[in-house]
N, C-alpha and C. Protein backbone atom coordinates (compact mmCIF):
# COMPACT_ATOMS: atom_id res chain seq x y z
N MET A 1 -26.61 -4.40 0.52
CA MET A 1 -25.08 -4.50 0.32
C MET A 1 -24.63 -3.26 0.14
N THR A 2 -23.47 -2.54 0.83
CA THR A 2 -23.00 -1.43 0.61
C THR A 2 -22.19 -1.23 -0.88
N GLU A 3 -22.37 -0.15 -1.34
CA GLU A 3 -21.78 0.31 -2.66
C GLU A 3 -20.26 0.17 -2.41
N PRO A 4 -19.42 -0.42 -3.23
CA PRO A 4 -17.90 -0.59 -2.90
C PRO A 4 -17.32 0.83 -2.76
N ARG A 5 -16.46 1.11 -2.01
CA ARG A 5 -15.69 2.28 -1.75
C ARG A 5 -14.23 2.10 -2.43
N ARG A 6 -14.05 3.52 -3.18
CA ARG A 6 -12.55 3.60 -3.59
C ARG A 6 -11.59 3.56 -2.40
N ILE A 7 -10.28 2.77 -2.60
CA ILE A 7 -9.33 3.01 -1.55
C ILE A 7 -8.06 3.20 -2.51
N ILE A 8 -7.25 3.99 -1.71
CA ILE A 8 -5.72 4.02 -2.28
C ILE A 8 -4.84 3.36 -0.71
N ILE A 9 -3.85 2.63 -1.19
CA ILE A 9 -3.02 1.69 -0.12
C ILE A 9 -1.81 2.02 -0.69
N ALA A 10 -1.07 2.50 0.44
CA ALA A 10 0.59 2.65 0.08
C ALA A 10 1.01 1.17 0.51
N MET A 11 2.05 0.95 -0.23
CA MET A 11 2.74 -0.46 -0.09
C MET A 11 4.33 -0.08 0.18
N GLY A 12 4.92 -0.84 1.21
CA GLY A 12 6.40 -0.74 1.30
C GLY A 12 6.83 -1.75 1.85
N SER A 13 8.20 -2.31 1.56
CA SER A 13 8.92 -3.28 2.07
C SER A 13 10.72 -2.99 2.07
N ASN A 14 11.31 -3.13 3.23
CA ASN A 14 12.83 -3.21 3.24
C ASN A 14 13.54 -4.63 3.54
N HIS A 15 12.71 -5.50 3.14
CA HIS A 15 13.56 -6.57 3.52
C HIS A 15 12.98 -7.79 2.46
N GLN A 16 13.70 -8.45 1.62
CA GLN A 16 13.28 -9.31 0.57
C GLN A 16 12.20 -8.58 0.07
N GLN A 17 12.37 -7.36 -0.26
CA GLN A 17 11.51 -6.23 -0.99
C GLN A 17 10.59 -6.74 -2.12
N GLN A 18 10.99 -7.54 -3.28
CA GLN A 18 10.39 -7.80 -4.39
C GLN A 18 9.46 -9.19 -3.89
N SER A 19 9.81 -9.84 -3.06
CA SER A 19 9.24 -11.32 -2.83
C SER A 19 7.83 -10.58 -1.91
N HIS A 20 8.06 -9.79 -0.94
CA HIS A 20 7.06 -9.52 -0.11
C HIS A 20 5.94 -8.58 -0.96
N ILE A 21 6.72 -7.67 -1.82
CA ILE A 21 5.55 -6.93 -2.38
C ILE A 21 4.82 -7.76 -3.25
N ASP A 22 5.34 -8.75 -3.94
CA ASP A 22 4.57 -9.69 -4.76
C ASP A 22 3.66 -10.53 -3.88
N MET A 23 3.95 -10.89 -2.83
CA MET A 23 3.09 -11.55 -2.06
C MET A 23 1.83 -10.85 -1.59
N ALA A 24 2.14 -9.55 -1.34
CA ALA A 24 1.20 -8.50 -0.76
C ALA A 24 0.20 -8.16 -1.85
N ARG A 25 0.84 -8.19 -3.13
CA ARG A 25 -0.28 -8.02 -4.34
C ARG A 25 -1.28 -8.96 -4.45
N GLU A 26 -0.96 -10.16 -4.38
CA GLU A 26 -1.47 -11.46 -4.24
C GLU A 26 -2.65 -11.47 -3.27
N PHE A 27 -2.37 -11.16 -2.04
CA PHE A 27 -3.31 -11.01 -0.94
C PHE A 27 -4.41 -9.81 -1.03
N LEU A 28 -3.61 -8.88 -1.80
CA LEU A 28 -4.59 -7.58 -2.04
C LEU A 28 -5.71 -7.91 -3.06
N ARG A 29 -5.18 -8.66 -4.39
CA ARG A 29 -6.05 -8.90 -5.27
C ARG A 29 -7.17 -9.82 -4.71
N ASP A 30 -6.64 -10.78 -3.86
CA ASP A 30 -7.85 -11.70 -3.31
C ASP A 30 -8.84 -11.11 -2.25
N ALA A 31 -8.54 -9.87 -1.57
CA ALA A 31 -8.84 -9.28 -0.72
C ALA A 31 -10.14 -7.93 -1.13
N PHE A 32 -9.94 -7.42 -2.08
CA PHE A 32 -10.39 -6.40 -2.84
C PHE A 32 -10.67 -6.53 -4.08
N LEU A 33 -11.81 -5.79 -4.76
CA LEU A 33 -11.97 -5.52 -5.77
C LEU A 33 -11.41 -4.60 -6.80
N GLY A 34 -11.23 -5.21 -7.97
CA GLY A 34 -10.54 -4.15 -9.05
C GLY A 34 -9.44 -3.51 -8.96
N VAL A 35 -8.41 -4.30 -8.14
CA VAL A 35 -7.18 -3.87 -7.85
C VAL A 35 -6.11 -3.36 -8.97
N CYS A 36 -5.86 -2.07 -9.06
CA CYS A 36 -4.70 -1.79 -9.83
C CYS A 36 -3.48 -1.26 -9.28
N PHE A 37 -2.17 -1.55 -9.42
CA PHE A 37 -1.21 -1.29 -8.83
C PHE A 37 -0.37 -0.25 -9.54
N SER A 38 0.37 0.94 -9.12
CA SER A 38 1.45 1.94 -9.68
C SER A 38 2.72 0.91 -10.02
N ASP A 39 3.39 1.62 -10.49
CA ASP A 39 4.88 1.28 -10.91
C ASP A 39 5.46 1.28 -9.37
N MET A 40 6.47 0.52 -9.12
CA MET A 40 7.18 0.66 -7.89
C MET A 40 8.63 1.41 -8.00
N LEU A 41 8.83 1.98 -6.96
CA LEU A 41 10.08 2.93 -6.58
C LEU A 41 11.02 2.51 -5.48
N TRP A 42 12.29 2.50 -5.70
CA TRP A 42 13.08 2.32 -4.57
C TRP A 42 13.50 3.74 -4.00
N THR A 43 13.24 3.67 -2.67
CA THR A 43 13.43 4.88 -1.85
C THR A 43 14.32 4.60 -0.60
N GLU A 44 14.72 5.82 -0.32
CA GLU A 44 15.73 5.95 1.12
C GLU A 44 14.84 5.83 1.98
N PRO A 45 15.20 4.88 3.23
CA PRO A 45 14.46 4.94 4.09
C PRO A 45 14.17 6.03 5.20
N ILE A 46 13.07 6.45 5.65
CA ILE A 46 12.77 7.52 6.35
C ILE A 46 12.54 7.26 7.86
N GLY A 47 13.36 7.82 8.88
CA GLY A 47 13.08 7.65 10.18
C GLY A 47 13.63 6.07 10.43
N VAL A 48 14.10 5.40 9.77
CA VAL A 48 14.54 4.20 10.14
C VAL A 48 15.90 3.42 9.57
N ALA A 49 16.87 3.09 10.03
CA ALA A 49 18.02 2.88 9.60
C ALA A 49 17.99 1.26 9.11
N SER A 50 18.16 1.24 7.66
CA SER A 50 17.68 -0.08 6.87
C SER A 50 18.30 0.12 5.51
N ASP A 51 17.89 -1.07 4.90
CA ASP A 51 17.89 -0.87 3.74
C ASP A 51 17.03 -0.41 2.75
N LYS A 52 17.32 -0.07 1.74
CA LYS A 52 16.19 0.67 0.67
C LYS A 52 14.80 0.30 0.75
N PHE A 53 13.66 0.94 0.84
CA PHE A 53 12.56 0.56 0.58
C PHE A 53 12.04 0.33 -0.66
N LEU A 54 11.17 -0.85 -1.31
CA LEU A 54 10.61 -0.59 -2.36
C LEU A 54 9.24 -0.30 -2.22
N ASN A 55 8.64 0.78 -2.61
CA ASN A 55 7.11 1.41 -2.57
C ASN A 55 6.39 1.34 -3.67
N GLY A 56 4.99 0.97 -3.54
CA GLY A 56 4.21 1.24 -4.68
C GLY A 56 2.92 1.64 -3.83
N LEU A 57 1.74 1.86 -4.83
CA LEU A 57 0.44 2.14 -4.19
C LEU A 57 -0.72 1.12 -5.17
N ALA A 58 -1.61 0.75 -4.14
CA ALA A 58 -2.67 0.07 -5.01
C ALA A 58 -3.91 0.95 -4.88
N VAL A 59 -4.95 0.74 -5.97
CA VAL A 59 -6.24 1.38 -6.02
C VAL A 59 -7.04 0.09 -6.17
N ALA A 60 -8.00 0.18 -5.26
CA ALA A 60 -8.90 -0.98 -4.85
C ALA A 60 -10.33 -0.57 -4.61
N PHE A 61 -11.43 -1.66 -4.49
CA PHE A 61 -12.52 -1.07 -4.16
C PHE A 61 -13.07 -2.09 -3.09
N THR A 62 -13.83 -1.53 -1.95
CA THR A 62 -14.05 -2.63 -1.03
C THR A 62 -15.52 -2.27 -0.55
N PRO A 63 -16.28 -3.32 0.05
CA PRO A 63 -17.53 -3.03 0.65
C PRO A 63 -17.65 -2.85 1.94
N LEU A 64 -16.44 -2.91 2.49
CA LEU A 64 -15.90 -3.11 3.75
C LEU A 64 -15.83 -1.56 4.37
N ASP A 65 -16.30 -1.55 5.72
CA ASP A 65 -16.21 0.27 6.16
C ASP A 65 -14.77 0.50 6.51
N GLU A 66 -14.35 1.20 6.79
CA GLU A 66 -13.01 1.89 6.97
C GLU A 66 -12.13 0.99 8.17
N ALA A 67 -12.97 0.72 9.28
CA ALA A 67 -11.97 -0.13 10.30
C ALA A 67 -12.02 -1.58 9.67
N ALA A 68 -12.82 -2.03 9.04
CA ALA A 68 -12.68 -3.52 8.68
C ALA A 68 -11.62 -3.28 7.48
N THR A 69 -11.51 -2.43 6.79
CA THR A 69 -10.47 -2.49 5.58
C THR A 69 -9.27 -2.38 6.45
N THR A 70 -8.88 -1.10 7.50
CA THR A 70 -7.63 -1.29 8.12
C THR A 70 -7.42 -2.57 8.73
N ALA A 71 -8.05 -3.12 9.42
CA ALA A 71 -7.89 -4.64 9.86
C ALA A 71 -7.41 -5.48 8.72
N MET A 72 -7.90 -5.51 7.54
CA MET A 72 -7.66 -6.24 6.60
C MET A 72 -6.39 -6.04 5.98
N LEU A 73 -5.90 -4.56 6.11
CA LEU A 73 -4.29 -4.55 5.60
C LEU A 73 -3.33 -5.01 6.79
N LYS A 74 -3.78 -4.99 8.16
CA LYS A 74 -3.06 -5.35 9.05
C LYS A 74 -2.74 -6.75 8.78
N ASP A 75 -3.83 -7.68 8.56
CA ASP A 75 -3.90 -8.92 8.64
C ASP A 75 -2.90 -9.39 7.16
N ILE A 76 -2.85 -8.55 6.29
CA ILE A 76 -2.09 -9.01 5.21
C ILE A 76 -0.67 -8.66 5.55
N GLU A 77 -0.47 -7.69 6.21
CA GLU A 77 0.86 -7.43 6.78
C GLU A 77 1.62 -8.53 7.31
N ARG A 78 0.51 -9.22 8.46
CA ARG A 78 1.04 -10.17 9.15
C ARG A 78 1.03 -11.56 8.36
N LEU A 79 0.34 -11.91 7.39
CA LEU A 79 0.18 -12.71 6.34
C LEU A 79 1.96 -12.82 5.31
N CYS A 80 2.05 -11.48 5.33
CA CYS A 80 3.71 -11.27 4.68
C CYS A 80 4.62 -11.34 5.60
N GLY A 81 4.46 -11.83 6.85
CA GLY A 81 5.46 -12.20 7.86
C GLY A 81 6.01 -10.65 8.67
N ASP A 82 5.13 -9.69 8.41
CA ASP A 82 5.57 -8.70 9.22
C ASP A 82 5.08 -8.93 10.79
N SER A 83 5.90 -8.37 11.67
CA SER A 83 5.54 -8.32 13.05
C SER A 83 6.28 -7.10 13.91
N PRO A 84 5.48 -6.88 14.91
CA PRO A 84 6.28 -5.81 15.78
C PRO A 84 7.59 -5.96 16.27
N ALA A 85 8.00 -7.54 16.44
CA ALA A 85 9.75 -7.81 16.93
C ALA A 85 10.30 -7.25 15.76
N LEU A 86 10.09 -7.95 14.57
CA LEU A 86 11.06 -7.39 13.15
C LEU A 86 10.99 -5.80 13.18
N ARG A 87 9.92 -5.17 13.18
CA ARG A 87 10.01 -3.70 13.37
C ARG A 87 10.89 -3.16 14.18
N ARG A 88 11.18 -3.66 15.48
CA ARG A 88 11.84 -3.23 16.41
C ARG A 88 13.37 -3.41 16.16
N CYS A 89 13.66 -4.17 15.08
CA CYS A 89 15.06 -4.51 14.48
C CYS A 89 15.17 -3.75 12.97
N ASN A 90 14.02 -2.67 13.00
CA ASN A 90 14.05 -2.06 11.54
C ASN A 90 13.93 -2.93 10.18
N ILE A 91 13.46 -4.24 10.22
CA ILE A 91 12.74 -4.95 9.27
C ILE A 91 11.26 -4.87 9.02
N VAL A 92 11.27 -4.45 7.97
CA VAL A 92 9.33 -4.31 7.52
C VAL A 92 9.53 -4.98 6.31
N ASN A 93 8.89 -6.15 6.75
CA ASN A 93 8.54 -7.06 5.66
C ASN A 93 7.42 -6.29 4.67
N MET A 94 6.38 -5.99 5.26
CA MET A 94 5.31 -5.11 4.60
C MET A 94 4.75 -4.35 5.31
N ASP A 95 4.41 -2.77 4.84
CA ASP A 95 3.82 -1.93 5.35
C ASP A 95 2.62 -1.42 4.43
N LEU A 96 1.39 -1.55 4.83
CA LEU A 96 0.03 -1.20 3.97
C LEU A 96 -0.52 -0.35 4.74
N ASP A 97 -0.63 1.14 4.27
CA ASP A 97 -1.16 2.16 4.99
C ASP A 97 -2.13 2.65 3.99
N LEU A 98 -3.45 2.91 4.79
CA LEU A 98 -4.73 3.33 3.62
C LEU A 98 -4.77 4.80 3.80
N LEU A 99 -4.25 5.19 2.27
CA LEU A 99 -4.22 6.61 2.25
C LEU A 99 -5.41 7.35 1.62
N CYS A 100 -6.31 6.50 1.42
CA CYS A 100 -7.42 7.25 0.81
C CYS A 100 -8.49 6.41 1.14
N PHE A 101 -9.77 6.68 1.82
CA PHE A 101 -10.95 5.97 1.94
C PHE A 101 -12.13 6.47 1.33
N ASP A 102 -12.92 6.09 0.30
CA ASP A 102 -14.15 6.59 -0.23
C ASP A 102 -13.96 8.22 -0.15
N GLY A 103 -12.54 8.61 -0.78
CA GLY A 103 -12.39 10.13 -1.64
C GLY A 103 -11.98 10.98 -0.05
N GLU A 104 -11.74 10.48 1.03
CA GLU A 104 -11.11 11.13 2.13
C GLU A 104 -9.55 10.48 2.42
N ARG A 105 -8.71 11.73 2.63
CA ARG A 105 -7.39 11.36 2.78
C ARG A 105 -7.12 10.89 4.17
N ARG A 106 -6.28 10.02 4.29
CA ARG A 106 -5.87 9.59 5.57
C ARG A 106 -4.13 9.50 5.47
N HIS A 107 -3.54 9.42 6.49
CA HIS A 107 -1.90 9.66 6.68
C HIS A 107 -1.56 11.07 5.80
N ASP A 108 -2.07 12.03 6.39
CA ASP A 108 -1.83 13.33 5.79
C ASP A 108 -0.24 13.49 5.53
N GLY A 109 0.82 13.11 6.11
CA GLY A 109 2.11 13.31 6.02
C GLY A 109 2.53 12.45 4.81
N ASP A 110 2.06 11.72 4.75
CA ASP A 110 2.63 10.26 3.79
C ASP A 110 2.33 11.52 2.27
N TRP A 111 1.12 11.90 2.11
CA TRP A 111 0.84 12.64 0.93
C TRP A 111 1.93 13.81 0.18
N GLU A 112 2.77 14.13 1.50
CA GLU A 112 3.79 14.89 0.96
C GLU A 112 5.14 14.66 0.90
N ARG A 113 5.33 13.32 1.02
CA ARG A 113 6.44 12.55 0.57
C ARG A 113 6.84 12.54 -1.20
N PRO A 114 7.92 12.73 -1.36
CA PRO A 114 7.96 12.87 -3.08
C PRO A 114 7.68 11.53 -3.37
N TYR A 115 8.05 10.47 -3.05
CA TYR A 115 7.71 9.31 -3.79
C TYR A 115 6.36 8.97 -3.80
N ILE A 116 5.50 9.44 -2.87
CA ILE A 116 4.11 9.12 -2.97
C ILE A 116 3.45 10.19 -4.21
N LYS A 117 3.88 11.57 -4.25
CA LYS A 117 3.55 12.45 -5.29
C LYS A 117 3.94 11.75 -6.75
N THR A 118 5.02 11.07 -6.78
CA THR A 118 5.42 10.40 -7.96
C THR A 118 4.49 9.35 -8.43
N LEU A 119 4.32 8.49 -7.35
CA LEU A 119 3.52 7.48 -7.83
C LEU A 119 2.05 7.62 -7.79
N MET A 120 1.37 8.67 -6.99
CA MET A 120 0.20 9.05 -7.67
C MET A 120 -0.04 9.57 -9.24
N LYS A 121 1.14 10.31 -9.56
CA LYS A 121 0.95 11.08 -10.73
C LYS A 121 1.16 9.82 -11.96
N CYS A 122 1.86 8.61 -11.57
CA CYS A 122 2.00 7.53 -12.46
C CYS A 122 0.50 6.86 -12.40
N LEU A 123 0.33 6.94 -11.32
CA LEU A 123 -1.05 6.01 -10.97
C LEU A 123 -2.25 6.61 -11.55
N ASP A 124 -2.17 7.77 -11.56
CA ASP A 124 -3.36 8.75 -12.38
C ASP A 124 -3.20 8.57 -14.10
N THR A 125 -1.90 8.49 -14.37
CA THR A 125 -1.88 8.47 -15.79
C THR A 125 -2.35 6.89 -16.15
N SER A 126 -1.83 6.07 -15.36
CA SER A 126 -1.90 4.57 -15.77
C SER A 126 -3.62 4.41 -15.74
N LEU A 127 -4.24 4.96 -14.75
CA LEU A 127 -5.84 4.81 -14.69
C LEU A 127 -7.00 5.34 -15.66
N SER A 128 -6.01 6.56 -16.08
CA SER A 128 -6.84 7.33 -17.22
C SER A 128 -6.54 6.58 -18.53
N LEU A 129 -5.27 5.95 -18.84
CA LEU A 129 -5.32 5.34 -19.87
C LEU A 129 -6.02 4.00 -20.09
N SER A 130 -6.33 3.19 -18.58
CA SER A 130 -6.67 2.08 -18.74
C SER A 130 -8.50 2.16 -18.74
N HIS A 131 -8.79 3.24 -18.75
CA HIS A 131 -10.37 3.85 -18.51
C HIS A 131 -10.66 4.32 -19.76
N SER A 132 -9.93 4.49 -20.60
CA SER A 132 -10.28 5.40 -21.96
C SER A 132 -10.75 4.62 -23.20
């Protein structure tokens, strides 16, 4: 069996935000090992005309490879009611992006977003406190 890999996931919703975030958290806990969540931040939408987004990060571990991990995240988005049709109407029930897989950054542009930087600082602090 493969040694579990550390992953960081960006979470966001602009429709029934809290309920979709709560739903995604449950699915993430079921799908991955040792899941830890950051605080949540309300942010203005980027590149879409919509309500504010509720954003957060999750850190977890997975024995899956990167492709299977990404597929699992897409499945969770669908389970939260997300769909291409809704996105065409600027409704994002759940967006889950794999920001880091086994120490390698993905979605480089997202790392520069102010809310991601803020959430990473919060997450780093909470992880260091929980493991001390």
